[in-house]
Each structure stands twice: as C-alpha cells, then as structure tokens.
Amino acid sequence: MAQNQTGSKRHPEKALSAVFVRQVVEPGKYSDGNGLFLLVQPNGSKSWVQRITIRGKRRDIGLGGAGYVSLAEAREIALENKKLARAGGDPLQAKREAQAVLTFAEAARKVHEMHKPTWRNQKHASQFISTLETYAFPKIGAFKVGDVTTADVLAVLQPIWLEKPETARRVRQRIGTVMKWAVAKGWRQDNPAENIGQALPKHETIKNHRKALPYAQVSECIEAVQHSNAWPATKLALEFLILTASRSGEVRGALWEEMEFHGGDTAKTAKTATWVIPASRMKMKKPHRVPLSARALEILKEAEALRGASGLVFPSMRDKPLSDMTLSKLVKEQGFDVHVHGFRTSFRTWAQEQTNFPREVAEAALAHVVKDKAEAAYARSDMVEKRRKMMENWAGYLAARSG
C-alpha cells in the first residue's frame, strides 16, 4: 500500500491504486508519479495536486477532486502537463486559456454587441441574436465555442432546413459569423457551419432559373456586403449592379468614358446622369442607356478614388477587370445562396408587385428585346426618362428597407 509522502519512496511509479484512493482517510500527501499526489485534508476531502517545474520554477497545479477525477484521469493529465512543461510550455497558462473560452451563447452575444453599432437596420440587428436564441442556443448554447462540431450545427439546422429554409439559411450564416470570430480569437481552427451543404437535403428550386433573392431582402444583402472585408471596388460594383439592374459583365467592364454627367463630374444631380453602354458590350449587341439614381452617383463618386490607368470604374487591385466569379463569391461569402444575375429578377419582381410602372418600362430597364414584331415596330424609344424615375424609386425602396 502507498505510504504518506514523508515515508514513501522519493520517486514512486504509480504507487497508488484506485482502491487506496477510495479508502484512505488519514490526512496527508500520497505520491503516485510524475509529481502527482493525492492530498487528503483533515475534513476528509481528497484532491489531486501535481508538483511540477515550469520554466525553472516549482509550481503546484490542482487537477480536481478525487471524487470527480479518477486516478487514471489524474495520471493522464499529469503526464500531459509534464510533457508540455518539458517542451517549454506552461500548463497553468494553458489551463487558464481553456477556462477563458466562452460558450457559444456567450460568444454569440459578444459578436452581436460588436457588430450592432455597424448595422443601420436595427431589425436585422435584433434578428441576428433572436434567431440564435430560438434555434441554436437550446442545442449548442452551453457548449464551449471551441467544442462545437459540424454534427452539432447539423443538429441545429436539420429540424428547420426544409420547413423554414430561409430562416435555416440565416441561422447557418449567423452561426458561421460567431465561429469566424472564435477562429480569430484562436479558440478553434475551423468554421463548422461551412461545408455541411452535402449533409442537408437540397431545397426545391425553379428549374432553368438562376437563384434570386426576394426583393424585400436585397437591402440586407447590400448591407452585409458593405460591412464585409472585400476589395472596395468589388463592394461598390455589386451595389451599382443592383441599383442599375445590369448584368455582371456590363458592370465589371464599365468605363469612365461611358458615364455621361452633363457637367463633367459625378457631383451633378441624377436628373441627367446616364451610363451609356456600347453595343459591343451588350448581350443583344445594341447600345443601352442606363439612367443613374442619386445613390448610383454616390457610388461613382466613391469609385473615383480607385480610378487607375485602365479607365475601369470598378477595377481590381491590379487595375484589371474584376473576374467573373468575384461578385458571386462575395454574395455567397455573406451567406446568400443566390446568383448575381438573380438581382435582375429581384428588381423585375419589385417593379411588378410594388409599382405601377408599365411592363415595357421595366423590360426596357433590363434591356430585354421586344419579342412581338408588331409591338417592336412601334417601340422606337428606350423610355429613358420614365426609367429614370423608376430607378430612383428602386434606390429609394432599398434605402428605406436598410434604414
């Protein structure tokens, strides 16, 4: 049987047994190995303590009560601590850091408070935390944020994935935001909210149509993009694309020489400013005039700071056209699983459901060809002034939703 440390071997090797730990009542220190000993107090309480040298200094580390930590577990912890100390590490610091890691719920509230001042839409700010409280906290809220697994995130999303697809998408996005913050804090190496799409059933989509965002949610996407860390020209290009209901290639290839301000600068009002896209850059090989709203002009004014030798309105960091996938990637990184071309659908649906503008005006804004030959014979005007009012209304609608 192991003895009190005063009469035991100097370096005992696994001197204790589980039976001894359970039965011993005499106060004292009972050594085991790797600096580990059982401390029995006069009141009968028993706890594990490890005496170890950390960076040249002898330290005592508490490993927990013997009623909760078994002899085998205490030995395993003591061995790991010894290895870490020998390698120059500090087991005490590692223990403190582990204790400092927040739970998912604590981390989510922290992230919410950090981002709240940057959100112009207070409704979006409140929804961020309320959806997590409703769907994520009951399942993973008490978990240390570094311990949450892909399986845990899956358990949150599966019950609502098909029943509430839009809510599920947002919950997944917001869990991912919390996890990215945890990665930045050094509390984990990965984001478990990513790469789980294959484990979830696919949502039904309309065939032969690119995914589009409901027009009521477009402002939320713009706001998310504005607060991203993307290249400034990329963020400006995406919002400009949405405001003008243009195609990706038309915006990415836009040149300053195509902008007509009728005054020489972007400070003029939106009453006359127009973007004239040459036929060579249009899908239907016909020139297209795009009336510019006041917000579109503000974007161009911001873009002037990025003007380079290429003459591109929205240049890449190398003063080249933005790549075809740049805008799509930016949208998807913010958690919106839609195609950039789908914003034209968002605009068209808004015009149909929220305005009284004639169908042909909305179609002209999209540079769609009039298929009816008789109608086309009389449709000689591009209705640019009527479209100017419509595009200003579209910009106003988006601004009101984000305000």
Protein backbone atom coordinates (compact mmCIF):
# COMPACT_ATOMS: atom_id res chain seq x y z
CA MET A 1 0.00 0.00 0.00
CA ALA A 2 1.21 3.52 -0.74
CA GLN A 3 2.51 5.46 2.20
CA ASN A 4 2.28 9.04 3.39
CA GLN A 5 4.80 11.07 1.38
CA THR A 6 7.07 11.56 4.42
CA GLY A 7 7.76 7.83 4.46
CA SER A 8 7.33 6.96 0.78
CA LYS A 9 9.84 6.40 -1.98
CA ARG A 10 11.37 9.54 -3.40
CA HIS A 11 10.20 8.79 -6.95
CA PRO A 12 7.35 6.29 -6.72
CA GLU A 13 5.98 4.99 -10.04
CA LYS A 14 2.21 4.51 -9.95
CA ALA A 15 2.38 3.92 -6.21
CA LEU A 16 -1.34 4.42 -5.68
CA SER A 17 -4.31 2.23 -6.53
CA ALA A 18 -7.96 3.05 -7.13
CA VAL A 19 -8.90 1.07 -4.01
CA PHE A 20 -6.43 3.02 -1.88
CA VAL A 21 -7.70 6.35 -3.21
CA ARG A 22 -11.24 5.36 -2.33
CA GLN A 23 -10.45 4.02 1.16
CA VAL A 24 -7.72 6.28 2.57
CA VAL A 25 -8.90 8.64 5.33
CA GLU A 26 -5.68 9.64 7.11
CA PRO A 27 -4.75 13.26 6.27
CA GLY A 28 -1.57 13.68 4.26
CA LYS A 29 0.03 13.67 0.84
CA TYR A 30 0.23 10.37 -1.03
CA SER A 31 2.58 10.30 -4.03
CA ASP A 32 1.96 8.45 -7.29
CA GLY A 33 4.35 9.54 -10.08
CA ASN A 34 5.14 12.44 -12.46
CA GLY A 35 4.80 14.76 -9.47
CA LEU A 36 1.21 13.66 -8.89
CA PHE A 37 -0.05 13.19 -5.33
CA LEU A 38 -3.32 12.72 -3.55
CA LEU A 39 -3.99 15.37 -0.92
CA VAL A 40 -6.24 14.23 1.94
CA GLN A 41 -7.49 17.04 4.17
CA PRO A 42 -8.35 16.67 7.88
CA ASN A 43 -12.03 17.10 6.97
CA GLY A 44 -11.81 14.04 4.69
CA SER A 45 -11.86 15.83 1.33
CA LYS A 46 -9.50 14.43 -1.29
CA SER A 47 -7.99 16.20 -4.29
CA TRP A 48 -5.29 15.74 -6.89
CA VAL A 49 -2.26 18.03 -6.98
CA GLN A 50 0.73 17.93 -9.29
CA ARG A 51 4.09 19.41 -8.29
CA ILE A 52 5.91 20.35 -11.46
CA THR A 53 8.76 22.59 -12.62
CA ILE A 54 7.58 25.18 -15.16
CA ARG A 55 10.31 27.24 -16.80
CA GLY A 56 12.66 26.76 -13.87
CA LYS A 57 10.10 27.38 -11.13
CA ARG A 58 8.43 24.73 -8.98
CA ARG A 59 4.65 25.05 -9.06
CA ASP A 60 1.66 23.14 -7.67
CA ILE A 61 -1.29 22.58 -10.03
CA GLY A 62 -4.69 21.46 -8.79
CA LEU A 63 -6.18 18.74 -11.00
CA GLY A 64 -9.58 18.41 -9.35
CA GLY A 65 -11.31 16.48 -6.59
CA ALA A 66 -10.73 12.74 -6.34
CA GLY A 67 -14.49 12.21 -6.32
CA TYR A 68 -14.75 13.67 -9.84
CA VAL A 69 -11.35 12.88 -11.35
CA SER A 70 -10.30 9.23 -11.27
CA LEU A 71 -6.76 8.04 -10.62
CA ALA A 72 -6.37 7.08 -14.29
CA GLU A 73 -7.58 10.51 -15.44
CA ALA A 74 -5.30 12.31 -12.98
CA ARG A 75 -2.32 10.29 -14.24
CA GLU A 76 -3.15 11.15 -17.84
CA ILE A 77 -3.44 14.87 -17.09
CA ALA A 78 -0.20 14.82 -15.06
CA LEU A 79 1.68 13.13 -17.90
CA GLU A 80 0.43 15.67 -20.46
CA ASN A 81 1.37 18.54 -18.16
CA LYS A 82 4.87 17.10 -17.71
CA LYS A 83 5.36 16.74 -21.46
CA LEU A 84 4.17 20.30 -22.04
CA ALA A 85 6.46 21.69 -19.33
CA ARG A 86 9.46 19.79 -20.73
CA ALA A 87 8.76 21.31 -24.14
CA GLY A 88 8.91 24.80 -22.60
CA GLY A 89 5.14 25.28 -22.31
CA ASP A 90 3.11 26.40 -19.33
CA PRO A 91 0.31 24.04 -18.21
CA LEU A 92 -1.09 26.71 -15.90
CA GLN A 93 -1.41 29.19 -18.74
CA ALA A 94 -2.99 26.53 -20.95
CA LYS A 95 -5.50 25.79 -18.18
CA ARG A 96 -6.35 29.47 -17.78
CA GLU A 97 -6.82 29.89 -21.53
CA ALA A 98 -9.09 26.85 -21.68
CA GLN A 99 -11.21 28.28 -18.87
CA ALA A 100 -11.37 31.63 -20.69
CA VAL A 101 -13.05 30.17 -23.78
CA LEU A 102 -16.65 31.39 -23.94
CA THR A 103 -19.68 29.22 -24.50
CA PHE A 104 -21.39 29.53 -27.89
CA ALA A 105 -24.16 31.63 -26.33
CA GLU A 106 -21.65 33.98 -24.66
CA ALA A 107 -19.64 34.27 -27.87
CA ALA A 108 -22.78 34.95 -29.93
CA ARG A 109 -23.84 37.78 -27.61
CA LYS A 110 -20.31 39.19 -27.74
CA VAL A 111 -20.29 39.15 -31.55
CA HIS A 112 -23.77 40.69 -31.61
CA GLU A 113 -22.68 43.58 -29.40
CA MET A 114 -19.55 44.12 -31.52
CA HIS A 115 -21.48 44.32 -34.79
CA LYS A 116 -24.61 46.08 -33.51
CA PRO A 117 -23.24 49.66 -33.92
CA THR A 118 -22.38 48.96 -37.58
CA TRP A 119 -25.84 47.72 -38.56
CA ARG A 120 -28.03 50.50 -39.92
CA ASN A 121 -31.05 48.22 -39.86
CA GLN A 122 -31.95 47.67 -36.20
CA LYS A 123 -34.44 44.99 -37.15
CA HIS A 124 -31.61 42.97 -38.71
CA ALA A 125 -29.51 43.51 -35.57
CA SER A 126 -32.25 42.15 -33.30
CA GLN A 127 -32.97 39.23 -35.63
CA PHE A 128 -29.32 38.18 -35.55
CA ILE A 129 -29.44 37.29 -31.85
CA SER A 130 -33.13 36.30 -31.66
CA THR A 131 -32.80 33.57 -34.29
CA LEU A 132 -29.77 32.14 -32.49
CA GLU A 133 -31.63 32.27 -29.17
CA THR A 134 -34.56 30.40 -30.70
CA TYR A 135 -32.82 27.74 -32.76
CA ALA A 136 -29.14 27.46 -31.75
CA PHE A 137 -28.91 28.19 -28.02
CA PRO A 138 -31.17 25.31 -26.89
CA LYS A 139 -28.85 22.81 -28.60
CA ILE A 140 -25.33 24.33 -28.53
CA GLY A 141 -25.59 27.45 -26.37
CA ALA A 142 -23.91 25.83 -23.35
CA PHE A 143 -21.08 24.26 -25.40
CA LYS A 144 -17.66 25.88 -25.35
CA VAL A 145 -17.40 27.66 -28.68
CA GLY A 146 -14.24 25.68 -29.44
CA ASP A 147 -16.01 22.37 -28.88
CA VAL A 148 -18.93 22.85 -31.29
CA THR A 149 -18.73 20.33 -34.13
CA THR A 150 -20.21 20.08 -37.60
CA ALA A 151 -22.58 17.43 -36.22
CA ASP A 152 -23.77 19.93 -33.59
CA VAL A 153 -24.50 22.57 -36.25
CA LEU A 154 -26.29 19.92 -38.29
CA ALA A 155 -28.48 19.11 -35.28
CA VAL A 156 -29.50 22.79 -35.13
CA LEU A 157 -30.32 23.10 -38.82
CA GLN A 158 -31.93 19.77 -39.70
CA PRO A 159 -35.30 20.36 -37.95
CA ILE A 160 -35.88 23.64 -39.82
CA TRP A 161 -33.95 23.10 -43.06
CA LEU A 162 -36.96 22.13 -45.17
CA GLU A 163 -39.74 23.61 -43.05
CA LYS A 164 -38.17 27.07 -42.77
CA PRO A 165 -35.45 27.24 -45.45
CA GLU A 166 -34.86 30.99 -45.33
CA THR A 167 -34.64 31.01 -41.53
CA ALA A 168 -32.32 28.00 -41.62
CA ARG A 169 -30.04 29.76 -44.09
CA ARG A 170 -29.82 32.78 -41.83
CA VAL A 171 -29.18 30.68 -38.73
CA ARG A 172 -26.37 28.89 -40.55
CA GLN A 173 -24.89 32.21 -41.67
CA ARG A 174 -25.04 33.66 -38.16
CA ILE A 175 -23.52 30.56 -36.54
CA GLY A 176 -20.74 30.91 -39.11
CA THR A 177 -20.18 34.55 -38.11
CA VAL A 178 -19.73 33.53 -34.47
CA MET A 179 -17.37 30.72 -35.46
CA LYS A 180 -15.23 33.01 -37.62
CA TRP A 181 -14.80 35.26 -34.59
CA ALA A 182 -13.81 32.24 -32.49
CA VAL A 183 -11.20 31.31 -35.11
CA ALA A 184 -9.82 34.85 -34.95
CA LYS A 185 -9.60 34.54 -31.15
CA GLY A 186 -7.56 31.36 -31.54
CA TRP A 187 -10.21 29.21 -29.85
CA ARG A 188 -10.70 26.93 -32.83
CA GLN A 189 -9.18 26.22 -36.25
CA ASP A 190 -12.27 25.80 -38.41
CA ASN A 191 -15.81 27.01 -39.07
CA PRO A 192 -18.18 24.02 -38.62
CA ALA A 193 -21.02 25.92 -40.30
CA GLU A 194 -19.21 25.60 -43.63
CA ASN A 195 -19.16 22.57 -45.88
CA ILE A 196 -22.28 20.92 -44.46
CA GLY A 197 -24.43 21.53 -47.51
CA GLN A 198 -23.99 17.95 -48.73
CA ALA A 199 -25.27 16.62 -45.42
CA LEU A 200 -28.54 18.53 -45.80
CA PRO A 201 -31.31 17.88 -48.37
CA LYS A 202 -31.46 20.29 -51.27
CA HIS A 203 -34.14 22.94 -51.28
CA GLU A 204 -36.54 22.88 -54.19
CA THR A 205 -35.57 25.40 -56.83
CA ILE A 206 -37.26 26.54 -60.01
CA LYS A 207 -35.61 24.80 -62.94
CA ASN A 208 -33.86 26.83 -65.62
CA HIS A 209 -33.86 29.94 -63.43
CA ARG A 210 -30.92 31.38 -61.60
CA LYS A 211 -31.44 31.75 -57.87
CA ALA A 212 -32.81 35.16 -56.98
CA LEU A 213 -33.21 36.93 -53.67
CA PRO A 214 -36.70 38.17 -52.72
CA TYR A 215 -36.68 41.93 -53.31
CA ALA A 216 -37.52 42.58 -49.65
CA GLN A 217 -34.17 41.02 -48.68
CA VAL A 218 -31.93 42.74 -51.23
CA SER A 219 -31.12 45.64 -48.90
CA GLU A 220 -29.98 43.14 -46.25
CA CYS A 221 -27.56 41.65 -48.77
CA ILE A 222 -26.24 45.10 -49.71
CA GLU A 223 -25.69 45.93 -46.05
CA ALA A 224 -23.86 42.66 -45.41
CA VAL A 225 -21.61 43.31 -48.41
CA GLN A 226 -20.89 46.88 -47.29
CA HIS A 227 -19.64 45.60 -43.92
CA SER A 228 -17.52 42.83 -45.43
CA ASN A 229 -13.74 43.00 -45.83
CA ALA A 230 -13.90 42.72 -49.62
CA TRP A 231 -11.96 44.96 -52.00
CA PRO A 232 -13.78 48.36 -52.10
CA ALA A 233 -14.35 48.26 -55.86
CA THR A 234 -15.99 44.83 -55.55
CA LYS A 235 -18.45 46.09 -52.94
CA LEU A 236 -19.25 49.20 -54.96
CA ALA A 237 -19.67 47.19 -58.16
CA LEU A 238 -22.20 44.84 -56.59
CA GLU A 239 -24.39 47.64 -55.26
CA PHE A 240 -24.12 49.50 -58.57
CA LEU A 241 -25.20 46.31 -60.37
CA ILE A 242 -28.26 46.03 -58.14
CA LEU A 243 -29.21 49.70 -58.47
CA THR A 244 -28.95 49.65 -62.27
CA ALA A 245 -30.42 46.12 -62.75
CA SER A 246 -27.46 45.39 -65.01
CA ARG A 247 -25.62 42.22 -65.92
CA SER A 248 -22.36 41.33 -64.21
CA GLY A 249 -20.21 41.69 -67.32
CA GLU A 250 -21.66 45.11 -68.10
CA VAL A 251 -20.74 46.42 -64.64
CA ARG A 252 -17.35 44.74 -64.37
CA GLY A 253 -16.35 46.20 -67.75
CA ALA A 254 -17.83 49.67 -67.14
CA LEU A 255 -15.54 52.53 -68.21
CA TRP A 256 -15.49 56.12 -67.03
CA GLU A 257 -15.86 57.27 -70.63
CA GLU A 258 -19.29 55.59 -70.70
CA MET A 259 -20.58 57.83 -67.91
CA GLU A 260 -22.36 60.99 -69.04
CA PHE A 261 -22.73 63.51 -66.24
CA HIS A 262 -23.52 66.55 -68.42
CA GLY A 263 -21.33 68.69 -66.28
CA GLY A 264 -18.05 66.87 -66.16
CA ASP A 265 -18.15 65.34 -62.68
CA THR A 266 -20.10 62.93 -60.54
CA ALA A 267 -21.42 65.63 -58.24
CA LYS A 268 -24.25 66.50 -60.62
CA THR A 269 -27.82 65.51 -59.84
CA ALA A 270 -29.46 62.34 -61.04
CA LYS A 271 -31.76 64.34 -63.32
CA THR A 272 -29.48 63.93 -66.32
CA ALA A 273 -26.69 61.48 -65.42
CA THR A 274 -26.65 58.44 -67.69
CA TRP A 275 -24.48 55.39 -68.25
CA VAL A 276 -24.25 54.60 -71.95
CA ILE A 277 -23.16 51.02 -72.57
CA PRO A 278 -21.92 50.47 -76.14
CA ALA A 279 -23.40 47.73 -78.31
CA SER A 280 -20.13 45.80 -78.22
CA ARG A 281 -20.61 45.13 -74.50
CA MET A 282 -24.34 44.34 -74.58
CA LYS A 283 -25.81 40.85 -74.87
CA MET A 284 -28.19 41.90 -77.66
CA LYS A 285 -25.46 43.97 -79.41
CA LYS A 286 -27.46 47.17 -79.11
CA PRO A 287 -26.35 50.25 -77.13
CA HIS A 288 -28.16 50.68 -73.84
CA ARG A 289 -28.70 53.85 -71.82
CA VAL A 290 -28.99 53.46 -68.05
CA PRO A 291 -30.36 56.41 -66.03
CA LEU A 292 -28.39 56.82 -62.82
CA SER A 293 -30.08 57.37 -59.45
CA ALA A 294 -28.68 59.65 -56.79
CA ARG A 295 -27.30 56.64 -54.88
CA ALA A 296 -25.65 55.32 -58.07
CA LEU A 297 -23.91 58.67 -58.43
CA GLU A 298 -22.70 58.46 -54.83
CA ILE A 299 -21.16 55.09 -55.64
CA LEU A 300 -19.40 56.54 -58.68
CA LYS A 301 -18.05 59.36 -56.53
CA GLU A 302 -16.60 56.79 -54.12
CA ALA A 303 -15.20 54.80 -57.04
CA GLU A 304 -13.27 57.84 -58.30
CA ALA A 305 -10.74 57.24 -55.54
CA LEU A 306 -9.89 53.90 -57.19
CA ARG A 307 -9.52 55.29 -60.71
CA GLY A 308 -6.47 53.88 -62.47
CA ALA A 309 -4.84 53.94 -65.89
CA SER A 310 -7.25 51.30 -67.23
CA GLY A 311 -10.22 53.64 -67.12
CA LEU A 312 -12.32 50.98 -65.40
CA VAL A 313 -14.94 52.26 -62.98
CA PHE A 314 -14.58 49.21 -60.72
CA PRO A 315 -11.01 47.93 -61.17
CA SER A 316 -9.41 45.01 -59.36
CA MET A 317 -6.39 45.60 -57.13
CA ARG A 318 -4.22 45.13 -60.25
CA ASP A 319 -6.28 47.68 -62.21
CA LYS A 320 -7.80 44.89 -64.31
CA PRO A 321 -11.48 43.96 -64.76
CA LEU A 322 -12.91 42.06 -61.80
CA SER A 323 -13.14 38.33 -62.51
CA ASP A 324 -16.41 36.68 -63.45
CA MET A 325 -16.71 34.89 -60.10
CA THR A 326 -15.73 37.82 -57.87
CA LEU A 327 -19.22 39.21 -57.34
CA SER A 328 -20.84 35.78 -56.94
CA LYS A 329 -18.22 34.78 -54.38
CA LEU A 330 -18.76 37.99 -52.43
CA VAL A 331 -22.51 37.38 -52.19
CA LYS A 332 -22.14 33.74 -51.16
CA GLU A 333 -19.49 34.59 -48.53
CA GLN A 334 -22.13 36.71 -46.80
CA GLY A 335 -24.42 33.67 -46.62
CA PHE A 336 -26.75 34.49 -49.55
CA ASP A 337 -27.00 31.45 -51.78
CA VAL A 338 -28.13 33.34 -54.87
CA HIS A 339 -26.75 34.13 -58.31
CA VAL A 340 -25.68 37.70 -59.07
CA HIS A 341 -27.81 37.65 -62.23
CA GLY A 342 -30.79 36.95 -59.94
CA PHE A 343 -30.78 40.57 -58.73
CA ARG A 344 -32.31 41.48 -62.10
CA THR A 345 -35.18 39.16 -61.19
CA SER A 346 -35.44 40.80 -57.77
CA PHE A 347 -35.76 44.19 -59.45
CA ARG A 348 -38.28 42.95 -62.04
CA THR A 349 -40.48 41.35 -59.37
CA TRP A 350 -40.36 44.53 -57.28
CA ALA A 351 -41.41 46.63 -60.28
CA GLN A 352 -44.31 44.26 -60.96
CA GLU A 353 -45.55 43.91 -57.37
CA GLN A 354 -44.70 47.26 -55.77
CA THR A 355 -45.08 49.85 -58.55
CA ASN A 356 -47.47 50.99 -61.30
CA PHE A 357 -44.80 51.34 -63.96
CA PRO A 358 -45.86 49.69 -67.23
CA ARG A 359 -44.34 46.32 -68.07
CA GLU A 360 -42.50 47.71 -71.10
CA VAL A 361 -40.69 50.27 -68.93
CA ALA A 362 -39.36 47.56 -66.63
CA GLU A 363 -38.43 45.40 -69.61
CA ALA A 364 -36.56 48.32 -71.17
CA ALA A 365 -34.62 48.77 -67.93
CA LEU A 366 -33.42 45.18 -68.29
CA ALA A 367 -32.54 45.76 -71.97
CA HIS A 368 -34.86 42.93 -72.98
CA VAL A 369 -35.77 42.62 -76.64
CA VAL A 370 -39.45 43.11 -77.53
CA LYS A 371 -40.40 39.71 -78.98
CA ASP A 372 -43.68 40.76 -80.58
CA LYS A 373 -42.73 42.07 -84.04
CA ALA A 374 -45.72 44.40 -84.32
CA GLU A 375 -45.00 45.90 -80.89
CA ALA A 376 -41.30 46.16 -81.70
CA ALA A 377 -42.05 48.16 -84.84
CA TYR A 378 -43.58 50.94 -82.72
CA ALA A 379 -41.21 50.66 -79.76
CA ARG A 380 -38.64 53.13 -81.05
CA SER A 381 -37.98 54.84 -77.67
CA ASP A 382 -35.97 53.41 -74.80
CA MET A 383 -38.18 55.40 -72.36
CA VAL A 384 -35.11 56.58 -70.51
CA GLU A 385 -36.86 59.38 -68.60
CA LYS A 386 -39.62 57.08 -67.37
CA ARG A 387 -36.96 54.59 -66.38
CA ARG A 388 -35.07 57.34 -64.55
CA LYS A 389 -37.99 57.79 -62.18
CA MET A 390 -38.34 54.02 -61.77
CA MET A 391 -34.64 53.53 -60.93
CA GLU A 392 -34.80 56.37 -58.39
CA ASN A 393 -37.79 54.65 -56.79
CA TRP A 394 -35.88 51.35 -56.72
CA ALA A 395 -32.94 53.05 -54.97
CA GLY A 396 -35.35 54.71 -52.54
CA TYR A 397 -37.02 51.38 -51.76
CA LEU A 398 -33.65 49.75 -50.96
CA ALA A 399 -32.57 52.68 -48.79
CA ALA A 400 -35.85 52.63 -46.84
CA ARG A 401 -35.51 48.88 -46.18
CA SER A 402 -31.98 49.31 -44.81
CA GLY A 403 -32.81 52.36 -42.73
